[in-house]
């Protein structure tokens, strides 16, 4: 129960969380590209496939 946890206006907390979630979702839907990390290739022994420098 949010009121018992000390939150005065639980409706506003839920509303703000939903607004932020919708904002992030719309941003991802409207962008042309999304940046992600490309994993390093793994060699036969499970280490990185790049040669040591």
C-alpha atoms as a PDB file:
ATOM      1  CA  UNK A   1       0.000   0.000   0.000  1.00  0.00           C
ATOM      2  CA  UNK A   2       1.590   3.260  -1.123  1.00  0.00           C
ATOM      3  CA  UNK A   3      -0.149   5.414   1.505  1.00  0.00           C
ATOM      4  CA  UNK A   4       1.206   3.219   4.293  1.00  0.00           C
ATOM      5  CA  UNK A   5       4.681   3.530   2.748  1.00  0.00           C
ATOM      6  CA  UNK A   6       4.497   7.293   3.286  1.00  0.00           C
ATOM      7  CA  UNK A   7       3.608   8.391  -0.237  1.00  0.00           C
ATOM      8  CA  UNK A   8       1.057  11.183   0.099  1.00  0.00           C
ATOM      9  CA  UNK A   9      -0.368  11.049  -3.430  1.00  0.00           C
ATOM     10  CA  UNK A  10       0.015   7.518  -4.874  1.00  0.00           C
ATOM     11  CA  UNK A  11      -2.101   8.378  -7.922  1.00  0.00           C
ATOM     12  CA  UNK A  12       0.383  11.051  -8.963  1.00  0.00           C
ATOM     13  CA  UNK A  13       3.289   8.611  -8.558  1.00  0.00           C
ATOM     14  CA  UNK A  14       1.626   6.029 -10.803  1.00  0.00           C
ATOM     15  CA  UNK A  15       0.627   8.701 -13.336  1.00  0.00           C
ATOM     16  CA  UNK A  16       4.175  10.082 -13.491  1.00  0.00           C
ATOM     17  CA  UNK A  17       5.628   6.595 -13.946  1.00  0.00           C
ATOM     18  CA  UNK A  18       3.226   5.886 -16.813  1.00  0.00           C
ATOM     19  CA  UNK A  19       3.976   9.246 -18.460  1.00  0.00           C
ATOM     20  CA  UNK A  20       7.713   8.548 -18.300  1.00  0.00           C
ATOM     21  CA  UNK A  21       7.253   5.039 -19.714  1.00  0.00           C
ATOM     22  CA  UNK A  22       5.154   6.348 -22.605  1.00  0.00           C
ATOM     23  CA  UNK A  23       7.724   9.061 -23.280  1.00  0.00           C
ATOM     24  CA  UNK A  24      10.564   6.548 -23.558  1.00  0.00           C
ATOM     25  CA  UNK A  25       8.482   4.163 -25.676  1.00  0.00           C
ATOM     26  CA  UNK A  26       7.481   6.904 -28.121  1.00  0.00           C
ATOM     27  CA  UNK A  27      11.081   8.069 -28.349  1.00  0.00           C
ATOM     28  CA  UNK A  28      12.215   4.562 -29.293  1.00  0.00           C
ATOM     29  CA  UNK A  29       9.405   4.159 -31.827  1.00  0.00           C
ATOM     30  CA  UNK A  30      10.102   7.475 -33.543  1.00  0.00           C
ATOM     31  CA  UNK A  31      13.877   7.206 -33.830  1.00  0.00           C
ATOM     32  CA  UNK A  32      15.401   5.963 -37.049  1.00  0.00           C
ATOM     33  CA  UNK A  33      18.141   4.030 -35.275  1.00  0.00           C
ATOM     34  CA  UNK A  34      18.942   2.710 -31.826  1.00  0.00           C
ATOM     35  CA  UNK A  35      22.500   2.485 -30.503  1.00  0.00           C
ATOM     36  CA  UNK A  36      23.582  -0.790 -28.953  1.00  0.00           C
ATOM     37  CA  UNK A  37      26.900  -2.370 -28.056  1.00  0.00           C
ATOM     38  CA  UNK A  38      28.376  -4.772 -30.578  1.00  0.00           C
ATOM     39  CA  UNK A  39      29.696  -7.836 -28.742  1.00  0.00           C
ATOM     40  CA  UNK A  40      33.327  -8.741 -29.278  1.00  0.00           C
ATOM     41  CA  UNK A  41      33.856 -11.903 -31.347  1.00  0.00           C
ATOM     42  CA  UNK A  42      34.841 -14.893 -29.236  1.00  0.00           C
ATOM     43  CA  UNK A  43      37.798 -17.061 -30.205  1.00  0.00           C
ATOM     44  CA  UNK A  44      38.047 -20.822 -29.856  1.00  0.00           C
ATOM     45  CA  UNK A  45      39.215 -20.635 -26.241  1.00  0.00           C
ATOM     46  CA  UNK A  46      36.374 -18.314 -25.187  1.00  0.00           C
ATOM     47  CA  UNK A  47      38.561 -15.225 -25.149  1.00  0.00           C
ATOM     48  CA  UNK A  48      38.243 -12.222 -27.396  1.00  0.00           C
ATOM     49  CA  UNK A  49      38.948 -12.962 -31.052  1.00  0.00           C
ATOM     50  CA  UNK A  50      41.202  -9.914 -31.370  1.00  0.00           C
ATOM     51  CA  UNK A  51      44.971 -10.551 -31.319  1.00  0.00           C
ATOM     52  CA  UNK A  52      46.898  -9.092 -28.360  1.00  0.00           C
ATOM     53  CA  UNK A  53      48.604  -5.772 -29.015  1.00  0.00           C
END
